[in-house]
Amino acid sequence: VAPDHIGHVIYLQSLGSDGAWHNVEAGIVGPGSTYSFNYSFGGAGTFQLRARIYGGPENLGAASPSVTVAVSGVAPIATLTPAS
């Protein structure tokens, strides 16, 4: 995120079948303009994702270029290891 906006909320968005972008996860911008999301897909398919930070009185806000993610399967929850 440039310029640096430590502490601001940033969103992971997915392109819906309606042609609109929908917020699916939120994160916080950290030091060095870094951020991350912890998102799980609900099933197999191809998804378009982007990051979006909304503007305020001093900034317009912006979105990253979209990326395509192909999910080929989902592991049964019982087979996943606990998060540490």
PDB file of N, CA and C in Angstrom:
ATOM      1  N   VAL A   1       0.862  -1.163   0.000  1.00  0.00           N
ATOM      2  CA  VAL A   1       0.000   0.000   0.000  1.00  0.00           C
ATOM      3  C   VAL A   1       0.907   1.224   0.000  1.00  0.00           C
ATOM      4  N   ALA A   2       0.727   2.104  -0.958  1.00  0.00           N
ATOM      5  CA  ALA A   2       1.541   3.312  -1.020  1.00  0.00           C
ATOM      6  C   ALA A   2       0.629   4.508  -1.290  1.00  0.00           C
ATOM      7  N   PRO A   3       0.750   5.584  -0.582  1.00  0.00           N
ATOM      8  CA  PRO A   3       1.684   5.767   0.521  1.00  0.00           C
ATOM      9  C   PRO A   3       1.296   4.904   1.725  1.00  0.00           C
ATOM     10  N   ASP A   4       2.212   4.832   2.688  1.00  0.00           N
ATOM     11  CA  ASP A   4       2.038   3.986   3.859  1.00  0.00           C
ATOM     12  C   ASP A   4       0.794   4.395   4.654  1.00  0.00           C
ATOM     13  N   HIS A   5      -0.036   3.420   5.004  1.00  0.00           N
ATOM     14  CA  HIS A   5      -1.257   3.665   5.775  1.00  0.00           C
ATOM     15  C   HIS A   5      -1.368   2.660   6.912  1.00  0.00           C
ATOM     16  N   ILE A   6      -0.341   2.594   7.759  1.00  0.00           N
ATOM     17  CA  ILE A   6      -0.341   1.654   8.885  1.00  0.00           C
ATOM     18  C   ILE A   6      -1.618   1.826   9.699  1.00  0.00           C
ATOM     19  N   GLY A   7      -2.248   0.695  10.009  1.00  0.00           N
ATOM     20  CA  GLY A   7      -3.445   0.691  10.833  1.00  0.00           C
ATOM     21  C   GLY A   7      -4.755   0.803  10.066  1.00  0.00           C
ATOM     22  N   HIS A   8      -4.701   1.091   8.780  1.00  0.00           N
ATOM     23  CA  HIS A   8      -5.930   1.199   7.993  1.00  0.00           C
ATOM     24  C   HIS A   8      -6.458  -0.195   7.633  1.00  0.00           C
ATOM     25  N   VAL A   9      -7.752  -0.290   7.473  1.00  0.00           N
ATOM     26  CA  VAL A   9      -8.385  -1.549   7.070  1.00  0.00           C
ATOM     27  C   VAL A   9      -8.235  -1.707   5.553  1.00  0.00           C
ATOM     28  N   ILE A  10      -7.875  -2.927   5.131  1.00  0.00           N
ATOM     29  CA  ILE A  10      -7.784  -3.265   3.714  1.00  0.00           C
ATOM     30  C   ILE A  10      -8.638  -4.510   3.493  1.00  0.00           C
ATOM     31  N   TYR A  11      -9.253  -4.611   2.337  1.00  0.00           N
ATOM     32  CA  TYR A  11     -10.203  -5.695   2.079  1.00  0.00           C
ATOM     33  C   TYR A  11      -9.732  -6.586   0.937  1.00  0.00           C
ATOM     34  N   LEU A  12      -9.997  -7.881   1.079  1.00  0.00           N
ATOM     35  CA  LEU A  12      -9.884  -8.829  -0.017  1.00  0.00           C
ATOM     36  C   LEU A  12     -11.253  -8.878  -0.655  1.00  0.00           C
ATOM     37  N   GLN A  13     -11.297  -8.688  -1.973  1.00  0.00           N
ATOM     38  CA  GLN A  13     -12.564  -8.701  -2.689  1.00  0.00           C
ATOM     39  C   GLN A  13     -12.578  -9.817  -3.724  1.00  0.00           C
ATOM     40  N   SER A  14     -13.766 -10.368  -3.929  1.00  0.00           N
ATOM     41  CA  SER A  14     -13.982 -11.404  -4.929  1.00  0.00           C
ATOM     42  C   SER A  14     -15.002 -10.881  -5.935  1.00  0.00           C
ATOM     43  N   LEU A  15     -14.741 -11.156  -7.216  1.00  0.00           N
ATOM     44  CA  LEU A  15     -15.659 -10.743  -8.260  1.00  0.00           C
ATOM     45  C   LEU A  15     -16.837 -11.704  -8.290  1.00  0.00           C
ATOM     46  N   GLY A  16     -18.032 -11.189  -8.059  1.00  0.00           N
ATOM     47  CA  GLY A  16     -19.228 -12.022  -7.999  1.00  0.00           C
ATOM     48  C   GLY A  16     -19.805 -12.298  -9.379  1.00  0.00           C
ATOM     49  N   SER A  17     -20.718 -13.246  -9.435  1.00  0.00           N
ATOM     50  CA  SER A  17     -21.381 -13.576 -10.694  1.00  0.00           C
ATOM     51  C   SER A  17     -22.238 -12.417 -11.199  1.00  0.00           C
ATOM     52  N   ASP A  18     -22.505 -11.438 -10.312  1.00  0.00           N
ATOM     53  CA  ASP A  18     -23.260 -10.251 -10.699  1.00  0.00           C
ATOM     54  C   ASP A  18     -22.377  -9.172 -11.335  1.00  0.00           C
ATOM     55  N   GLY A  19     -21.066  -9.453 -11.445  1.00  0.00           N
ATOM     56  CA  GLY A  19     -20.135  -8.506 -12.048  1.00  0.00           C
ATOM     57  C   GLY A  19     -19.631  -7.441 -11.095  1.00  0.00           C
ATOM     58  N   ALA A  20     -20.008  -7.516  -9.825  1.00  0.00           N
ATOM     59  CA  ALA A  20     -19.579  -6.547  -8.816  1.00  0.00           C
ATOM     60  C   ALA A  20     -18.538  -7.180  -7.888  1.00  0.00           C
ATOM     61  N   TRP A  21     -17.674  -6.338  -7.318  1.00  0.00           N
ATOM     62  CA  TRP A  21     -16.681  -6.792  -6.348  1.00  0.00           C
ATOM     63  C   TRP A  21     -17.317  -6.814  -4.960  1.00  0.00           C
ATOM     64  N   HIS A  22     -17.061  -7.905  -4.207  1.00  0.00           N
ATOM     65  CA  HIS A  22     -17.632  -8.078  -2.877  1.00  0.00           C
ATOM     66  C   HIS A  22     -16.518  -8.300  -1.862  1.00  0.00           C
ATOM     67  N   ASN A  23     -16.588  -7.608  -0.717  1.00  0.00           N
ATOM     68  CA  ASN A  23     -15.620  -7.813   0.355  1.00  0.00           C
ATOM     69  C   ASN A  23     -15.830  -9.201   0.949  1.00  0.00           C
ATOM     70  N   VAL A  24     -14.750  -9.995   1.023  1.00  0.00           N
ATOM     71  CA  VAL A  24     -14.847 -11.342   1.589  1.00  0.00           C
ATOM     72  C   VAL A  24     -13.951 -11.525   2.814  1.00  0.00           C
ATOM     73  N   GLU A  25     -13.028 -10.613   3.040  1.00  0.00           N
ATOM     74  CA  GLU A  25     -12.104 -10.695   4.184  1.00  0.00           C
ATOM     75  C   GLU A  25     -11.536  -9.309   4.428  1.00  0.00           C
ATOM     76  N   ALA A  26     -11.199  -9.017   5.669  1.00  0.00           N
ATOM     77  CA  ALA A  26     -10.588  -7.734   6.013  1.00  0.00           C
ATOM     78  C   ALA A  26      -9.264  -7.985   6.717  1.00  0.00           C
ATOM     79  N   GLY A  27      -8.333  -7.074   6.524  1.00  0.00           N
ATOM     80  CA  GLY A  27      -7.034  -7.122   7.184  1.00  0.00           C
ATOM     81  C   GLY A  27      -6.637  -5.706   7.589  1.00  0.00           C
ATOM     82  N   ILE A  28      -5.499  -5.594   8.231  1.00  0.00           N
ATOM     83  CA  ILE A  28      -4.975  -4.307   8.685  1.00  0.00           C
ATOM     84  C   ILE A  28      -3.614  -4.086   8.035  1.00  0.00           C
ATOM     85  N   VAL A  29      -3.392  -2.885   7.513  1.00  0.00           N
ATOM     86  CA  VAL A  29      -2.099  -2.544   6.927  1.00  0.00           C
ATOM     87  C   VAL A  29      -1.081  -2.424   8.061  1.00  0.00           C
ATOM     88  N   GLY A  30       0.035  -3.136   7.912  1.00  0.00           N
ATOM     89  CA  GLY A  30       1.077  -3.154   8.925  1.00  0.00           C
ATOM     90  C   GLY A  30       2.284  -2.323   8.521  1.00  0.00           C
ATOM     91  N   PRO A  31       3.352  -2.401   9.312  1.00  0.00           N
ATOM     92  CA  PRO A  31       4.583  -1.666   9.010  1.00  0.00           C
ATOM     93  C   PRO A  31       5.114  -2.032   7.627  1.00  0.00           C
ATOM     94  N   GLY A  32       5.657  -1.061   6.936  1.00  0.00           N
ATOM     95  CA  GLY A  32       6.206  -1.301   5.605  1.00  0.00           C
ATOM     96  C   GLY A  32       5.124  -1.504   4.557  1.00  0.00           C
ATOM     97  N   SER A  33       3.910  -1.063   4.857  1.00  0.00           N
ATOM     98  CA  SER A  33       2.773  -1.187   3.930  1.00  0.00           C
ATOM     99  C   SER A  33       2.438  -2.638   3.605  1.00  0.00           C
ATOM    100  N   THR A  34       2.629  -3.532   4.557  1.00  0.00           N
ATOM    101  CA  THR A  34       2.332  -4.947   4.336  1.00  0.00           C
ATOM    102  C   THR A  34       0.938  -5.287   4.876  1.00  0.00           C
ATOM    103  N   TYR A  35       0.360  -6.328   4.326  1.00  0.00           N
ATOM    104  CA  TYR A  35      -0.925  -6.826   4.798  1.00  0.00           C
ATOM    105  C   TYR A  35      -1.043  -8.283   4.388  1.00  0.00           C
ATOM    106  N   SER A  36      -1.958  -8.994   5.032  1.00  0.00           N
ATOM    107  CA  SER A  36      -2.223 -10.380   4.645  1.00  0.00           C
ATOM    108  C   SER A  36      -3.681 -10.702   4.949  1.00  0.00           C
ATOM    109  N   PHE A  37      -4.160 -11.750   4.302  1.00  0.00           N
ATOM    110  CA  PHE A  37      -5.530 -12.210   4.509  1.00  0.00           C
ATOM    111  C   PHE A  37      -5.496 -13.689   4.838  1.00  0.00           C
ATOM    112  N   ASN A  38      -6.464 -14.144   5.605  1.00  0.00           N
ATOM    113  CA  ASN A  38      -6.616 -15.552   5.926  1.00  0.00           C
ATOM    114  C   ASN A  38      -7.996 -15.964   5.422  1.00  0.00           C
ATOM    115  N   TYR A  39      -8.073 -16.368   4.157  1.00  0.00           N
ATOM    116  CA  TYR A  39      -9.350 -16.642   3.513  1.00  0.00           C
ATOM    117  C   TYR A  39      -9.401 -18.080   3.022  1.00  0.00           C
ATOM    118  N   SER A  40     -10.526 -18.728   3.238  1.00  0.00           N
ATOM    119  CA  SER A  40     -10.727 -20.099   2.748  1.00  0.00           C
ATOM    120  C   SER A  40     -11.841 -20.102   1.725  1.00  0.00           C
ATOM    121  N   PHE A  41     -11.600 -20.769   0.617  1.00  0.00           N
ATOM    122  CA  PHE A  41     -12.604 -20.896  -0.425  1.00  0.00           C
ATOM    123  C   PHE A  41     -13.615 -21.957  -0.021  1.00  0.00           C
ATOM    124  N   GLY A  42     -14.858 -21.762  -0.375  1.00  0.00           N
ATOM    125  CA  GLY A  42     -15.917 -22.690   0.010  1.00  0.00           C
ATOM    126  C   GLY A  42     -16.080 -23.880  -0.919  1.00  0.00           C
ATOM    127  N   GLY A  43     -15.351 -23.888  -2.033  1.00  0.00           N
ATOM    128  CA  GLY A  43     -15.474 -24.988  -2.974  1.00  0.00           C
ATOM    129  C   GLY A  43     -14.552 -24.798  -4.148  1.00  0.00           C
ATOM    130  N   ALA A  44     -14.564 -25.746  -5.024  1.00  0.00           N
ATOM    131  CA  ALA A  44     -13.719 -25.690  -6.208  1.00  0.00           C
ATOM    132  C   ALA A  44     -14.263 -24.659  -7.191  1.00  0.00           C
ATOM    133  N   GLY A  45     -13.366 -24.120  -8.017  1.00  0.00           N
ATOM    134  CA  GLY A  45     -13.769 -23.161  -9.040  1.00  0.00           C
ATOM    135  C   GLY A  45     -12.650 -22.195  -9.351  1.00  0.00           C
ATOM    136  N   THR A  46     -12.940 -21.232 -10.196  1.00  0.00           N
ATOM    137  CA  THR A  46     -11.998 -20.192 -10.559  1.00  0.00           C
ATOM    138  C   THR A  46     -12.529 -18.878 -10.004  1.00  0.00           C
ATOM    139  N   PHE A  47     -11.660 -18.156  -9.325  1.00  0.00           N
ATOM    140  CA  PHE A  47     -12.069 -16.942  -8.634  1.00  0.00           C
ATOM    141  C   PHE A  47     -11.170 -15.780  -9.039  1.00  0.00           C
ATOM    142  N   GLN A  48     -11.755 -14.602  -9.161  1.00  0.00           N
ATOM    143  CA  GLN A  48     -11.012 -13.362  -9.394  1.00  0.00           C
ATOM    144  C   GLN A  48     -10.958 -12.638  -8.059  1.00  0.00           C
ATOM    145  N   LEU A  49      -9.755 -12.264  -7.618  1.00  0.00           N
ATOM    146  CA  LEU A  49      -9.560 -11.582  -6.338  1.00  0.00           C
ATOM    147  C   LEU A  49      -8.753 -10.311  -6.533  1.00  0.00           C
ATOM    148  N   ARG A  50      -8.950  -9.370  -5.634  1.00  0.00           N
ATOM    149  CA  ARG A  50      -8.126  -8.160  -5.591  1.00  0.00           C
ATOM    150  C   ARG A  50      -8.137  -7.623  -4.171  1.00  0.00           C
ATOM    151  N   ALA A  51      -7.189  -6.754  -3.872  1.00  0.00           N
ATOM    152  CA  ALA A  51      -7.149  -6.049  -2.594  1.00  0.00           C
ATOM    153  C   ALA A  51      -7.689  -4.649  -2.827  1.00  0.00           C
ATOM    154  N   ARG A  52      -8.432  -4.130  -1.838  1.00  0.00           N
ATOM    155  CA  ARG A  52      -9.045  -2.803  -1.979  1.00  0.00           C
ATOM    156  C   ARG A  52      -8.925  -2.059  -0.663  1.00  0.00           C
ATOM    157  N   ILE A  53      -8.435  -0.827  -0.732  1.00  0.00           N
ATOM    158  CA  ILE A  53      -8.405   0.058   0.428  1.00  0.00           C
ATOM    159  C   ILE A  53      -9.246   1.274   0.066  1.00  0.00           C
ATOM    160  N   TYR A  54     -10.160   1.600   0.955  1.00  0.00           N
ATOM    161  CA  TYR A  54     -11.065   2.715   0.686  1.00  0.00           C
ATOM    162  C   TYR A  54     -10.403   4.027   1.087  1.00  0.00           C
ATOM    163  N   GLY A  55     -10.787   5.086   0.440  1.00  0.00           N
ATOM    164  CA  GLY A  55     -10.230   6.405   0.698  1.00  0.00           C
ATOM    165  C   GLY A  55     -10.886   7.084   1.885  1.00  0.00           C
ATOM    166  N   GLY A  56     -10.411   8.253   2.126  1.00  0.00           N
ATOM    167  CA  GLY A  56     -10.937   9.084   3.195  1.00  0.00           C
ATOM    168  C   GLY A  56     -10.845  10.532   2.762  1.00  0.00           C
ATOM    169  N   PRO A  57     -10.825  11.441   3.710  1.00  0.00           N
ATOM    170  CA  PRO A  57     -10.781  12.854   3.363  1.00  0.00           C
ATOM    171  C   PRO A  57      -9.518  13.262   2.599  1.00  0.00           C
ATOM    172  N   GLU A  58      -8.430  12.509   2.757  1.00  0.00           N
ATOM    173  CA  GLU A  58      -7.165  12.890   2.133  1.00  0.00           C
ATOM    174  C   GLU A  58      -6.753  11.978   0.976  1.00  0.00           C
ATOM    175  N   ASN A  59      -7.410  10.829   0.816  1.00  0.00           N
ATOM    176  CA  ASN A  59      -7.015   9.860  -0.213  1.00  0.00           C
ATOM    177  C   ASN A  59      -8.239   9.349  -0.950  1.00  0.00           C
ATOM    178  N   LEU A  60      -8.039   8.979  -2.218  1.00  0.00           N
ATOM    179  CA  LEU A  60      -9.137   8.476  -3.041  1.00  0.00           C
ATOM    180  C   LEU A  60      -9.429   7.001  -2.801  1.00  0.00           C
ATOM    181  N   GLY A  61      -8.447   6.237  -2.339  1.00  0.00           N
ATOM    182  CA  GLY A  61      -8.584   4.793  -2.245  1.00  0.00           C
ATOM    183  C   GLY A  61      -8.148   4.164  -3.559  1.00  0.00           C
ATOM    184  N   ALA A  62      -7.942   2.859  -3.543  1.00  0.00           N
ATOM    185  CA  ALA A  62      -7.472   2.184  -4.747  1.00  0.00           C
ATOM    186  C   ALA A  62      -7.670   0.679  -4.605  1.00  0.00           C
ATOM    187  N   ALA A  63      -7.546  -0.004  -5.739  1.00  0.00           N
ATOM    188  CA  ALA A  63      -7.617  -1.461  -5.765  1.00  0.00           C
ATOM    189  C   ALA A  63      -6.414  -1.985  -6.535  1.00  0.00           C
ATOM    190  N   SER A  64      -5.948  -3.160  -6.139  1.00  0.00           N
ATOM    191  CA  SER A  64      -4.857  -3.813  -6.858  1.00  0.00           C
ATOM    192  C   SER A  64      -5.388  -4.389  -8.163  1.00  0.00           C
ATOM    193  N   PRO A  65      -4.494  -4.736  -9.080  1.00  0.00           N
ATOM    194  CA  PRO A  65      -4.947  -5.504 -10.247  1.00  0.00           C
ATOM    195  C   PRO A  65      -5.529  -6.834  -9.760  1.00  0.00           C
ATOM    196  N   SER A  66      -6.504  -7.357 -10.465  1.00  0.00           N
ATOM    197  CA  SER A  66      -7.091  -8.631 -10.048  1.00  0.00           C
ATOM    198  C   SER A  66      -6.175  -9.791 -10.422  1.00  0.00           C
ATOM    199  N   VAL A  67      -6.312 -10.875  -9.667  1.00  0.00           N
ATOM    200  CA  VAL A  67      -5.589 -12.119  -9.952  1.00  0.00           C
ATOM    201  C   VAL A  67      -6.614 -13.244 -10.027  1.00  0.00           C
ATOM    202  N   THR A  68      -6.316 -14.241 -10.838  1.00  0.00           N
ATOM    203  CA  THR A  68      -7.184 -15.404 -10.973  1.00  0.00           C
ATOM    204  C   THR A  68      -6.611 -16.536 -10.129  1.00  0.00           C
ATOM    205  N   VAL A  69      -7.460 -17.137  -9.309  1.00  0.00           N
ATOM    206  CA  VAL A  69      -7.064 -18.260  -8.467  1.00  0.00           C
ATOM    207  C   VAL A  69      -7.941 -19.442  -8.832  1.00  0.00           C
ATOM    208  N   ALA A  70      -7.310 -20.574  -9.165  1.00  0.00           N
ATOM    209  CA  ALA A  70      -8.050 -21.798  -9.475  1.00  0.00           C
ATOM    210  C   ALA A  70      -7.974 -22.724  -8.272  1.00  0.00           C
ATOM    211  N   VAL A  71      -9.128 -23.120  -7.764  1.00  0.00           N
ATOM    212  CA  VAL A  71      -9.217 -24.041  -6.630  1.00  0.00           C
ATOM    213  C   VAL A  71      -9.745 -25.357  -7.178  1.00  0.00           C
ATOM    214  N   SER A  72      -8.940 -26.428  -7.003  1.00  0.00           N
ATOM    215  CA  SER A  72      -9.325 -27.703  -7.602  1.00  0.00           C
ATOM    216  C   SER A  72      -9.993 -28.645  -6.626  1.00  0.00           C
ATOM    217  N   GLY A  73      -9.999 -28.321  -5.363  1.00  0.00           N
ATOM    218  CA  GLY A  73     -10.645 -29.192  -4.400  1.00  0.00           C
ATOM    219  C   GLY A  73     -10.537 -28.623  -3.010  1.00  0.00           C
ATOM    220  N   VAL A  74     -11.336 -29.120  -2.144  1.00  0.00           N
ATOM    221  CA  VAL A  74     -11.344 -28.663  -0.768  1.00  0.00           C
ATOM    222  C   VAL A  74     -11.143 -29.885   0.122  1.00  0.00           C
ATOM    223  N   ALA A  75     -10.203 -29.798   1.045  1.00  0.00           N
ATOM    224  CA  ALA A  75      -9.954 -30.908   1.962  1.00  0.00           C
ATOM    225  C   ALA A  75     -11.058 -30.980   3.009  1.00  0.00           C
ATOM    226  N   PRO A  76     -11.500 -32.174   3.353  1.00  0.00           N
ATOM    227  CA  PRO A  76     -12.482 -32.292   4.433  1.00  0.00           C
ATOM    228  C   PRO A  76     -11.916 -31.682   5.713  1.00  0.00           C
ATOM    229  N   ILE A  77     -12.725 -30.990   6.457  1.00  0.00           N
ATOM    230  CA  ILE A  77     -12.261 -30.267   7.645  1.00  0.00           C
ATOM    231  C   ILE A  77     -11.574 -31.198   8.640  1.00  0.00           C
ATOM    232  N   ALA A  78     -12.004 -32.435   8.732  1.00  0.00           N
ATOM    233  CA  ALA A  78     -11.415 -33.395   9.677  1.00  0.00           C
ATOM    234  C   ALA A  78      -9.966 -33.712   9.348  1.00  0.00           C
ATOM    235  N   THR A  79      -9.537 -33.474   8.087  1.00  0.00           N
ATOM    236  CA  THR A  79      -8.160 -33.798   7.697  1.00  0.00           C
ATOM    237  C   THR A  79      -7.202 -32.629   7.891  1.00  0.00           C
ATOM    238  N   LEU A  80      -7.716 -31.458   8.243  1.00  0.00           N
ATOM    239  CA  LEU A  80      -6.859 -30.284   8.405  1.00  0.00           C
ATOM    240  C   LEU A  80      -6.216 -30.275   9.785  1.00  0.00           C
ATOM    241  N   THR A  81      -4.976 -29.806   9.837  1.00  0.00           N
ATOM    242  CA  THR A  81      -4.281 -29.696  11.114  1.00  0.00           C
ATOM    243  C   THR A  81      -4.710 -28.407  11.811  1.00  0.00           C
ATOM    244  N   PRO A  82      -4.713 -28.389  13.137  1.00  0.00           N
ATOM    245  CA  PRO A  82      -5.103 -27.185  13.853  1.00  0.00           C
ATOM    246  C   PRO A  82      -4.111 -26.038  13.580  1.00  0.00           C
ATOM    247  N   ALA A  83      -4.608 -24.831  13.575  1.00  0.00           N
ATOM    248  CA  ALA A  83      -3.748 -23.654  13.385  1.00  0.00           C
ATOM    249  C   ALA A  83      -2.904 -23.467  14.636  1.00  0.00           C
ATOM    250  N   SER A  84      -1.692 -22.949  14.432  1.00  0.00           N
ATOM    251  CA  SER A  84      -0.835 -22.715  15.597  1.00  0.00           C
ATOM    252  C   SER A  84      -0.858 -21.263  15.977  1.00  0.00           C
TER     253      SER A  84
END
